[in-house]
Amino acid sequence: INKSEIPQKYLGKCPEVGGCYWTANTFGKAAFFPAIDR
């Protein structure tokens, strides 16, 4: 999806410079939200 389509409250947590946990495509594949990170 377009990053602009994810809920705004998560985009708002992204820093202006650098990566963003909510949208970073780890290994070029996806943003991961594992249960281990709760």
PDB file of all heavy atoms in Angstrom:
ATOM      1  N   ILE A   1       0.839  -1.201   0.000  1.00  0.00           N
ATOM      2  CA  ILE A   1       0.000   0.000   0.000  1.00  0.00           C
ATOM      3  C   ILE A   1       0.868   1.243   0.000  1.00  0.00           C
ATOM      4  O   ILE A   1       2.071   1.185   0.284  1.00  0.00           O
ATOM      5  CB  ILE A   1      -0.926   0.022   1.235  1.00  0.00           C
ATOM      6  CG1 ILE A   1      -0.086   0.024   2.518  1.00  0.00           C
ATOM      7  CG2 ILE A   1      -1.893  -1.147   1.213  1.00  0.00           C
ATOM      8  CD1 ILE A   1      -0.886   0.236   3.789  1.00  0.00           C
ATOM      9  N   ASN A   2       0.265   2.366  -0.324  1.00  0.00           N
ATOM     10  CA  ASN A   2       0.955   3.644  -0.177  1.00  0.00           C
ATOM     11  C   ASN A   2       1.079   3.969   1.308  1.00  0.00           C
ATOM     12  O   ASN A   2       0.141   3.762   2.080  1.00  0.00           O
ATOM     13  CB  ASN A   2       0.176   4.768  -0.882  1.00  0.00           C
ATOM     14  CG  ASN A   2       0.165   4.598  -2.378  1.00  0.00           C
ATOM     15  OD1 ASN A   2       1.187   4.322  -2.992  1.00  0.00           O
ATOM     16  ND2 ASN A   2      -1.013   4.735  -2.974  1.00  0.00           N
ATOM     17  N   LYS A   3       2.233   4.461   1.723  1.00  0.00           N
ATOM     18  CA  LYS A   3       2.425   4.792   3.123  1.00  0.00           C
ATOM     19  C   LYS A   3       1.418   5.829   3.602  1.00  0.00           C
ATOM     20  O   LYS A   3       1.047   5.863   4.771  1.00  0.00           O
ATOM     21  CB  LYS A   3       3.849   5.283   3.357  1.00  0.00           C
ATOM     22  CG  LYS A   3       4.903   4.185   3.189  1.00  0.00           C
ATOM     23  CD  LYS A   3       6.305   4.691   3.460  1.00  0.00           C
ATOM     24  CE  LYS A   3       7.334   3.562   3.314  1.00  0.00           C
ATOM     25  NZ  LYS A   3       8.718   4.039   3.572  1.00  0.00           N
ATOM     26  N   SER A   4       0.960   6.655   2.679  1.00  0.00           N
ATOM     27  CA  SER A   4      -0.014   7.679   3.042  1.00  0.00           C
ATOM     28  C   SER A   4      -1.368   7.072   3.414  1.00  0.00           C
ATOM     29  O   SER A   4      -2.224   7.746   3.977  1.00  0.00           O
ATOM     30  CB  SER A   4      -0.194   8.661   1.883  1.00  0.00           C
ATOM     31  OG  SER A   4      -0.652   7.977   0.725  1.00  0.00           O
ATOM     32  N   GLU A   5      -1.549   5.766   3.111  1.00  0.00           N
ATOM     33  CA  GLU A   5      -2.830   5.119   3.377  1.00  0.00           C
ATOM     34  C   GLU A   5      -2.899   4.460   4.751  1.00  0.00           C
ATOM     35  O   GLU A   5      -3.960   3.991   5.155  1.00  0.00           O
ATOM     36  CB  GLU A   5      -3.102   4.061   2.295  1.00  0.00           C
ATOM     37  CG  GLU A   5      -3.331   4.664   0.925  1.00  0.00           C
ATOM     38  CD  GLU A   5      -3.399   3.628  -0.173  1.00  0.00           C
ATOM     39  OE1 GLU A   5      -2.671   2.618  -0.086  1.00  0.00           O
ATOM     40  OE2 GLU A   5      -4.168   3.825  -1.132  1.00  0.00           O
ATOM     41  N   ILE A   6      -1.767   4.401   5.482  1.00  0.00           N
ATOM     42  CA  ILE A   6      -1.840   3.813   6.809  1.00  0.00           C
ATOM     43  C   ILE A   6      -2.429   4.840   7.765  1.00  0.00           C
ATOM     44  O   ILE A   6      -2.429   6.045   7.483  1.00  0.00           O
ATOM     45  CB  ILE A   6      -0.460   3.332   7.318  1.00  0.00           C
ATOM     46  CG1 ILE A   6       0.426   4.514   7.728  1.00  0.00           C
ATOM     47  CG2 ILE A   6       0.227   2.478   6.295  1.00  0.00           C
ATOM     48  CD1 ILE A   6       1.656   4.082   8.472  1.00  0.00           C
ATOM     49  N   PRO A   7      -2.999   4.415   8.893  1.00  0.00           N
ATOM     50  CA  PRO A   7      -3.610   5.356   9.827  1.00  0.00           C
ATOM     51  C   PRO A   7      -2.656   6.479  10.216  1.00  0.00           C
ATOM     52  O   PRO A   7      -1.489   6.243  10.526  1.00  0.00           O
ATOM     53  CB  PRO A   7      -3.956   4.475  11.031  1.00  0.00           C
ATOM     54  CG  PRO A   7      -4.166   3.116  10.450  1.00  0.00           C
ATOM     55  CD  PRO A   7      -3.166   3.012   9.336  1.00  0.00           C
ATOM     56  N   GLN A   8      -3.148   7.693  10.199  1.00  0.00           N
ATOM     57  CA  GLN A   8      -2.324   8.869  10.411  1.00  0.00           C
ATOM     58  C   GLN A   8      -1.632   8.862  11.770  1.00  0.00           C
ATOM     59  O   GLN A   8      -0.534   9.389  11.928  1.00  0.00           O
ATOM     60  CB  GLN A   8      -3.172  10.141  10.275  1.00  0.00           C
ATOM     61  CG  GLN A   8      -2.383  11.447  10.364  1.00  0.00           C
ATOM     62  CD  GLN A   8      -1.311  11.550   9.287  1.00  0.00           C
ATOM     63  OE1 GLN A   8      -1.533  11.157   8.140  1.00  0.00           O
ATOM     64  NE2 GLN A   8      -0.147  12.061   9.637  1.00  0.00           N
ATOM     65  N   LYS A   9      -2.250   8.255  12.772  1.00  0.00           N
ATOM     66  CA  LYS A   9      -1.649   8.287  14.106  1.00  0.00           C
ATOM     67  C   LYS A   9      -0.319   7.532  14.144  1.00  0.00           C
ATOM     68  O   LYS A   9       0.511   7.770  15.019  1.00  0.00           O
ATOM     69  CB  LYS A   9      -2.604   7.720  15.148  1.00  0.00           C
ATOM     70  CG  LYS A   9      -2.973   6.267  14.990  1.00  0.00           C
ATOM     71  CD  LYS A   9      -3.946   5.860  16.094  1.00  0.00           C
ATOM     72  CE  LYS A   9      -4.391   4.427  15.985  1.00  0.00           C
ATOM     73  NZ  LYS A   9      -5.334   4.057  17.064  1.00  0.00           N
ATOM     74  N   TYR A  10      -0.101   6.605  13.193  1.00  0.00           N
ATOM     75  CA  TYR A  10       1.177   5.911  13.140  1.00  0.00           C
ATOM     76  C   TYR A  10       2.185   6.701  12.314  1.00  0.00           C
ATOM     77  O   TYR A  10       3.361   6.758  12.650  1.00  0.00           O
ATOM     78  CB  TYR A  10       0.995   4.509  12.567  1.00  0.00           C
ATOM     79  CG  TYR A  10       0.073   3.678  13.413  1.00  0.00           C
ATOM     80  CD1 TYR A  10      -1.165   3.264  12.948  1.00  0.00           C
ATOM     81  CD2 TYR A  10       0.430   3.330  14.713  1.00  0.00           C
ATOM     82  CE1 TYR A  10      -2.029   2.531  13.746  1.00  0.00           C
ATOM     83  CE2 TYR A  10      -0.429   2.596  15.517  1.00  0.00           C
ATOM     84  CZ  TYR A  10      -1.654   2.195  15.030  1.00  0.00           C
ATOM     85  OH  TYR A  10      -2.498   1.481  15.831  1.00  0.00           O
ATOM     86  N   LEU A  11       1.717   7.326  11.237  1.00  0.00           N
ATOM     87  CA  LEU A  11       2.604   8.181  10.457  1.00  0.00           C
ATOM     88  C   LEU A  11       3.112   9.343  11.306  1.00  0.00           C
ATOM     89  O   LEU A  11       4.238   9.803  11.152  1.00  0.00           O
ATOM     90  CB  LEU A  11       1.880   8.721   9.222  1.00  0.00           C
ATOM     91  CG  LEU A  11       1.757   7.775   8.030  1.00  0.00           C
ATOM     92  CD1 LEU A  11       0.931   8.423   6.938  1.00  0.00           C
ATOM     93  CD2 LEU A  11       3.134   7.403   7.495  1.00  0.00           C
ATOM     94  N   GLY A  12       2.258   9.810  12.212  1.00  0.00           N
ATOM     95  CA  GLY A  12       2.652  10.931  13.051  1.00  0.00           C
ATOM     96  C   GLY A  12       3.789  10.605  13.993  1.00  0.00           C
ATOM     97  O   GLY A  12       4.429  11.507  14.538  1.00  0.00           O
ATOM     98  N   LYS A  13       4.065   9.310  14.210  1.00  0.00           N
ATOM     99  CA  LYS A  13       5.162   8.915  15.082  1.00  0.00           C
ATOM    100  C   LYS A  13       6.484   8.793  14.339  1.00  0.00           C
ATOM    101  O   LYS A  13       7.513   8.491  14.942  1.00  0.00           O
ATOM    102  CB  LYS A  13       4.814   7.578  15.752  1.00  0.00           C
ATOM    103  CG  LYS A  13       3.604   7.648  16.679  1.00  0.00           C
ATOM    104  CD  LYS A  13       3.335   6.311  17.328  1.00  0.00           C
ATOM    105  CE  LYS A  13       2.109   6.381  18.238  1.00  0.00           C
ATOM    106  NZ  LYS A  13       1.823   5.094  18.904  1.00  0.00           N
ATOM    107  N   CYS A  14       6.457   8.995  13.032  1.00  0.00           N
ATOM    108  CA  CYS A  14       7.674   8.877  12.243  1.00  0.00           C
ATOM    109  C   CYS A  14       8.510  10.155  12.356  1.00  0.00           C
ATOM    110  O   CYS A  14       7.980  11.252  12.206  1.00  0.00           O
ATOM    111  CB  CYS A  14       7.344   8.630  10.768  1.00  0.00           C
ATOM    112  SG  CYS A  14       6.465   7.091  10.465  1.00  0.00           S
ATOM    113  N   PRO A  15       9.819  10.018  12.596  1.00  0.00           N
ATOM    114  CA  PRO A  15      10.668  11.219  12.619  1.00  0.00           C
ATOM    115  C   PRO A  15      10.814  11.799  11.225  1.00  0.00           C
ATOM    116  O   PRO A  15      10.663  11.096  10.226  1.00  0.00           O
ATOM    117  CB  PRO A  15      12.003  10.678  13.145  1.00  0.00           C
ATOM    118  CG  PRO A  15      12.002   9.231  12.759  1.00  0.00           C
ATOM    119  CD  PRO A  15      10.571   8.791  12.852  1.00  0.00           C
ATOM    120  N   GLU A  16      11.086  13.104  11.166  1.00  0.00           N
ATOM    121  CA  GLU A  16      11.236  13.759   9.866  1.00  0.00           C
ATOM    122  C   GLU A  16      12.480  13.265   9.143  1.00  0.00           C
ATOM    123  O   GLU A  16      12.523  13.224   7.918  1.00  0.00           O
ATOM    124  CB  GLU A  16      11.308  15.279  10.056  1.00  0.00           C
ATOM    125  CG  GLU A  16      10.002  15.887  10.570  1.00  0.00           C
ATOM    126  CD  GLU A  16      10.084  17.400  10.676  1.00  0.00           C
ATOM    127  OE1 GLU A  16      11.126  17.965  10.275  1.00  0.00           O
ATOM    128  OE2 GLU A  16       9.113  18.001  11.162  1.00  0.00           O
ATOM    129  N   VAL A  17      13.514  12.905   9.904  1.00  0.00           N
ATOM    130  CA  VAL A  17      14.756  12.424   9.311  1.00  0.00           C
ATOM    131  C   VAL A  17      15.000  10.993   9.787  1.00  0.00           C
ATOM    132  O   VAL A  17      14.796  10.672  10.953  1.00  0.00           O
ATOM    133  CB  VAL A  17      15.946  13.323   9.718  1.00  0.00           C
ATOM    134  CG1 VAL A  17      17.232  12.799   9.095  1.00  0.00           C
ATOM    135  CG2 VAL A  17      15.680  14.760   9.303  1.00  0.00           C
ATOM    136  N   GLY A  18      15.415  10.119   8.890  1.00  0.00           N
ATOM    137  CA  GLY A  18      15.714   8.747   9.280  1.00  0.00           C
ATOM    138  C   GLY A  18      14.563   7.799   9.012  1.00  0.00           C
ATOM    139  O   GLY A  18      13.549   8.152   8.435  1.00  0.00           O
ATOM    140  N   GLY A  19      14.720   6.552   9.473  1.00  0.00           N
ATOM    141  CA  GLY A  19      13.720   5.529   9.227  1.00  0.00           C
ATOM    142  C   GLY A  19      12.536   5.654  10.152  1.00  0.00           C
ATOM    143  O   GLY A  19      12.514   6.426  11.091  1.00  0.00           O
ATOM    144  N   CYS A  20      11.513   4.867   9.868  1.00  0.00           N
ATOM    145  CA  CYS A  20      10.308   4.861  10.687  1.00  0.00           C
ATOM    146  C   CYS A  20       9.905   3.422  10.955  1.00  0.00           C
ATOM    147  O   CYS A  20       9.726   2.634  10.023  1.00  0.00           O
ATOM    148  CB  CYS A  20       9.174   5.595   9.984  1.00  0.00           C
ATOM    149  SG  CYS A  20       7.625   5.548  10.894  1.00  0.00           S
ATOM    150  N   TYR A  21       9.774   3.086  12.222  1.00  0.00           N
ATOM    151  CA  TYR A  21       9.421   1.722  12.610  1.00  0.00           C
ATOM    152  C   TYR A  21       8.100   1.295  11.987  1.00  0.00           C
ATOM    153  O   TYR A  21       7.920   0.148  11.607  1.00  0.00           O
ATOM    154  CB  TYR A  21       9.335   1.663  14.135  1.00  0.00           C
ATOM    155  CG  TYR A  21       8.809   0.362  14.690  1.00  0.00           C
ATOM    156  CD1 TYR A  21       9.600  -0.784  14.691  1.00  0.00           C
ATOM    157  CD2 TYR A  21       7.537   0.272  15.234  1.00  0.00           C
ATOM    158  CE1 TYR A  21       9.140  -1.976  15.216  1.00  0.00           C
ATOM    159  CE2 TYR A  21       7.054  -0.922  15.759  1.00  0.00           C
ATOM    160  CZ  TYR A  21       7.861  -2.039  15.745  1.00  0.00           C
ATOM    161  OH  TYR A  21       7.392  -3.215  16.262  1.00  0.00           O
ATOM    162  N   TRP A  22       7.159   2.224  11.861  1.00  0.00           N
ATOM    163  CA  TRP A  22       5.819   1.888  11.397  1.00  0.00           C
ATOM    164  C   TRP A  22       5.761   1.615   9.896  1.00  0.00           C
ATOM    165  O   TRP A  22       4.829   0.980   9.424  1.00  0.00           O
ATOM    166  CB  TRP A  22       4.845   3.015  11.733  1.00  0.00           C
ATOM    167  CG  TRP A  22       4.841   3.341  13.185  1.00  0.00           C
ATOM    168  CD1 TRP A  22       5.426   4.416  13.791  1.00  0.00           C
ATOM    169  CD2 TRP A  22       4.260   2.573  14.236  1.00  0.00           C
ATOM    170  NE1 TRP A  22       5.239   4.367  15.142  1.00  0.00           N
ATOM    171  CE2 TRP A  22       4.526   3.256  15.443  1.00  0.00           C
ATOM    172  CE3 TRP A  22       3.542   1.385  14.273  1.00  0.00           C
ATOM    173  CZ2 TRP A  22       4.095   2.774  16.678  1.00  0.00           C
ATOM    174  CZ3 TRP A  22       3.113   0.908  15.505  1.00  0.00           C
ATOM    175  CH2 TRP A  22       3.384   1.594  16.686  1.00  0.00           C
ATOM    176  N   THR A  23       6.712   2.108   9.131  1.00  0.00           N
ATOM    177  CA  THR A  23       6.630   1.981   7.677  1.00  0.00           C
ATOM    178  C   THR A  23       7.875   1.367   7.040  1.00  0.00           C
ATOM    179  O   THR A  23       7.920   1.203   5.828  1.00  0.00           O
ATOM    180  CB  THR A  23       6.406   3.370   7.039  1.00  0.00           C
ATOM    181  OG1 THR A  23       7.542   4.202   7.302  1.00  0.00           O
ATOM    182  CG2 THR A  23       5.157   4.027   7.590  1.00  0.00           C
ATOM    183  N   ALA A  24       8.902   1.038   7.839  1.00  0.00           N
ATOM    184  CA  ALA A  24      10.162   0.538   7.278  1.00  0.00           C
ATOM    185  C   ALA A  24       9.982  -0.862   6.706  1.00  0.00           C
ATOM    186  O   ALA A  24       9.492  -1.765   7.382  1.00  0.00           O
ATOM    187  CB  ALA A  24      11.240   0.520   8.361  1.00  0.00           C
ATOM    188  N   ASN A  25      10.391  -1.059   5.460  1.00  0.00           N
ATOM    189  CA  ASN A  25      10.311  -2.372   4.816  1.00  0.00           C
ATOM    190  C   ASN A  25      11.581  -3.161   5.132  1.00  0.00           C
ATOM    191  O   ASN A  25      12.571  -3.115   4.414  1.00  0.00           O
ATOM    192  CB  ASN A  25      10.132  -2.208   3.304  1.00  0.00           C
ATOM    193  CG  ASN A  25       8.754  -1.700   2.949  1.00  0.00           C
ATOM    194  OD1 ASN A  25       7.753  -2.300   3.315  1.00  0.00           O
ATOM    195  ND2 ASN A  25       8.688  -0.574   2.255  1.00  0.00           N
ATOM    196  N   THR A  26      11.563  -3.891   6.246  1.00  0.00           N
ATOM    197  CA  THR A  26      12.716  -4.672   6.679  1.00  0.00           C
ATOM    198  C   THR A  26      13.049  -5.734   5.632  1.00  0.00           C
ATOM    199  O   THR A  26      12.162  -6.404   5.116  1.00  0.00           O
ATOM    200  CB  THR A  26      12.422  -5.340   8.028  1.00  0.00           C
ATOM    201  OG1 THR A  26      12.024  -4.333   8.957  1.00  0.00           O
ATOM    202  CG2 THR A  26      13.648  -6.050   8.557  1.00  0.00           C
ATOM    203  N   PHE A  27      14.337  -5.874   5.338  1.00  0.00           N
ATOM    204  CA  PHE A  27      14.797  -6.779   4.283  1.00  0.00           C
ATOM    205  C   PHE A  27      14.152  -6.446   2.940  1.00  0.00           C
ATOM    206  O   PHE A  27      14.088  -7.283   2.051  1.00  0.00           O
ATOM    207  CB  PHE A  27      14.526  -8.240   4.634  1.00  0.00           C
ATOM    208  CG  PHE A  27      15.309  -8.741   5.812  1.00  0.00           C
ATOM    209  CD1 PHE A  27      14.667  -9.188   6.946  1.00  0.00           C
ATOM    210  CD2 PHE A  27      16.695  -8.758   5.784  1.00  0.00           C
ATOM    211  CE1 PHE A  27      15.384  -9.643   8.036  1.00  0.00           C
ATOM    212  CE2 PHE A  27      17.415  -9.211   6.868  1.00  0.00           C
ATOM    213  CZ  PHE A  27      16.758  -9.655   7.995  1.00  0.00           C
ATOM    214  N   GLY A  28      13.630  -5.219   2.811  1.00  0.00           N
ATOM    215  CA  GLY A  28      12.972  -4.832   1.570  1.00  0.00           C
ATOM    216  C   GLY A  28      11.632  -5.491   1.359  1.00  0.00           C
ATOM    217  O   GLY A  28      11.080  -5.443   0.257  1.00  0.00           O
ATOM    218  N   LYS A  29      11.082  -6.127   2.414  1.00  0.00           N
ATOM    219  CA  LYS A  29       9.849  -6.904   2.257  1.00  0.00           C
ATOM    220  C   LYS A  29       8.647  -6.266   2.949  1.00  0.00           C
ATOM    221  O   LYS A  29       7.578  -6.150   2.355  1.00  0.00           O
ATOM    222  CB  LYS A  29      10.050  -8.314   2.818  1.00  0.00           C
ATOM    223  CG  LYS A  29      11.150  -9.124   2.145  1.00  0.00           C
ATOM    224  CD  LYS A  29      10.780  -9.522   0.732  1.00  0.00           C
ATOM    225  CE  LYS A  29      11.833 -10.441   0.126  1.00  0.00           C
ATOM    226  NZ  LYS A  29      11.500 -10.847  -1.240  1.00  0.00           N
ATOM    227  N   ALA A  30       8.785  -5.904   4.239  1.00  0.00           N
ATOM    228  CA  ALA A  30       7.610  -5.468   4.987  1.00  0.00           C
ATOM    229  C   ALA A  30       8.011  -4.813   6.301  1.00  0.00           C
ATOM    230  O   ALA A  30       9.143  -4.973   6.784  1.00  0.00           O
ATOM    231  CB  ALA A  30       6.708  -6.671   5.281  1.00  0.00           C
ATOM    232  N   ALA A  31       7.072  -4.086   6.894  1.00  0.00           N
ATOM    233  CA  ALA A  31       7.198  -3.612   8.271  1.00  0.00           C
ATOM    234  C   ALA A  31       6.635  -4.711   9.165  1.00  0.00           C
ATOM    235  O   ALA A  31       5.509  -5.159   8.956  1.00  0.00           O
ATOM    236  CB  ALA A  31       6.429  -2.314   8.464  1.00  0.00           C
ATOM    237  N   PHE A  32       7.428  -5.165  10.139  1.00  0.00           N
ATOM    238  CA  PHE A  32       7.042  -6.309  10.954  1.00  0.00           C
ATOM    239  C   PHE A  32       6.582  -5.871  12.342  1.00  0.00           C
ATOM    240  O   PHE A  32       7.194  -5.004  12.967  1.00  0.00           O
ATOM    241  CB  PHE A  32       8.212  -7.282  11.099  1.00  0.00           C
ATOM    242  CG  PHE A  32       8.559  -7.987   9.826  1.00  0.00           C
ATOM    243  CD1 PHE A  32       9.509  -7.457   8.958  1.00  0.00           C
ATOM    244  CD2 PHE A  32       7.930  -9.170   9.469  1.00  0.00           C
ATOM    245  CE1 PHE A  32       9.828  -8.092   7.779  1.00  0.00           C
ATOM    246  CE2 PHE A  32       8.249  -9.813   8.286  1.00  0.00           C
ATOM    247  CZ  PHE A  32       9.193  -9.279   7.436  1.00  0.00           C
ATOM    248  N   PHE A  33       5.516  -6.505  12.806  1.00  0.00           N
ATOM    249  CA  PHE A  33       4.993  -6.245  14.142  1.00  0.00           C
ATOM    250  C   PHE A  33       4.817  -7.597  14.844  1.00  0.00           C
ATOM    251  O   PHE A  33       3.715  -8.144  14.900  1.00  0.00           O
ATOM    252  CB  PHE A  33       3.663  -5.488  14.054  1.00  0.00           C
ATOM    253  CG  PHE A  33       3.772  -4.201  13.294  1.00  0.00           C
ATOM    254  CD1 PHE A  33       3.408  -4.127  11.956  1.00  0.00           C
ATOM    255  CD2 PHE A  33       4.260  -3.058  13.904  1.00  0.00           C
ATOM    256  CE1 PHE A  33       3.521  -2.945  11.238  1.00  0.00           C
ATOM    257  CE2 PHE A  33       4.377  -1.867  13.204  1.00  0.00           C
ATOM    258  CZ  PHE A  33       4.012  -1.809  11.869  1.00  0.00           C
ATOM    259  N   PRO A  34       5.923  -8.164  15.369  1.00  0.00           N
ATOM    260  CA  PRO A  34       5.848  -9.490  16.000  1.00  0.00           C
ATOM    261  C   PRO A  34       5.277  -9.407  17.405  1.00  0.00           C
ATOM    262  O   PRO A  34       5.422  -8.398  18.103  1.00  0.00           O
ATOM    263  CB  PRO A  34       7.312  -9.935  16.020  1.00  0.00           C
ATOM    264  CG  PRO A  34       8.092  -8.654  16.097  1.00  0.00           C
ATOM    265  CD  PRO A  34       7.295  -7.640  15.317  1.00  0.00           C
ATOM    266  N   ALA A  35       4.651 -10.481  17.846  1.00  0.00           N
ATOM    267  CA  ALA A  35       4.065 -10.516  19.187  1.00  0.00           C
ATOM    268  C   ALA A  35       5.129 -10.380  20.258  1.00  0.00           C
ATOM    269  O   ALA A  35       4.848  -9.874  21.347  1.00  0.00           O
ATOM    270  CB  ALA A  35       3.286 -11.813  19.374  1.00  0.00           C
ATOM    271  N   ILE A  36       6.380 -10.813  19.977  1.00  0.00           N
ATOM    272  CA  ILE A  36       7.436 -10.749  20.977  1.00  0.00           C
ATOM    273  C   ILE A  36       7.712  -9.306  21.402  1.00  0.00           C
ATOM    274  O   ILE A  36       8.140  -9.033  22.526  1.00  0.00           O
ATOM    275  CB  ILE A  36       8.734 -11.419  20.463  1.00  0.00           C
ATOM    276  CG1 ILE A  36       9.734 -11.578  21.609  1.00  0.00           C
ATOM    277  CG2 ILE A  36       9.332 -10.631  19.323  1.00  0.00           C
ATOM    278  CD1 ILE A  36      10.983 -12.333  21.241  1.00  0.00           C
ATOM    279  N   ASP A  37       7.462  -8.354  20.499  1.00  0.00           N
ATOM    280  CA  ASP A  37       7.635  -6.941  20.841  1.00  0.00           C
ATOM    281  C   ASP A  37       6.404  -6.363  21.523  1.00  0.00           C
ATOM    282  O   ASP A  37       6.387  -5.205  21.910  1.00  0.00           O
ATOM    283  CB  ASP A  37       7.965  -6.130  19.585  1.00  0.00           C
ATOM    284  CG  ASP A  37       9.380  -6.377  19.101  1.00  0.00           C
ATOM    285  OD1 ASP A  37      10.180  -6.916  19.889  1.00  0.00           O
ATOM    286  OD2 ASP A  37       9.688  -6.044  17.946  1.00  0.00           O
ATOM    287  N   ARG A  38       5.346  -7.168  21.602  1.00  0.00           N
ATOM    288  CA  ARG A  38       4.119  -6.829  22.319  1.00  0.00           C
ATOM    289  C   ARG A  38       3.491  -5.507  21.880  1.00  0.00           C
ATOM    290  O   ARG A  38       3.195  -4.639  22.702  1.00  0.00           O
ATOM    291  CB  ARG A  38       4.393  -6.830  23.822  1.00  0.00           C
ATOM    292  CG  ARG A  38       4.860  -8.203  24.281  1.00  0.00           C
ATOM    293  CD  ARG A  38       5.001  -8.335  25.755  1.00  0.00           C
ATOM    294  NE  ARG A  38       5.462  -9.694  26.079  1.00  0.00           N
ATOM    295  CZ  ARG A  38       5.852 -10.071  27.286  1.00  0.00           C
ATOM    296  NH1 ARG A  38       5.831  -9.228  28.286  1.00  0.00           N
ATOM    297  NH2 ARG A  38       6.254 -11.306  27.489  1.00  0.00           N
TER     298      ARG A  38
END
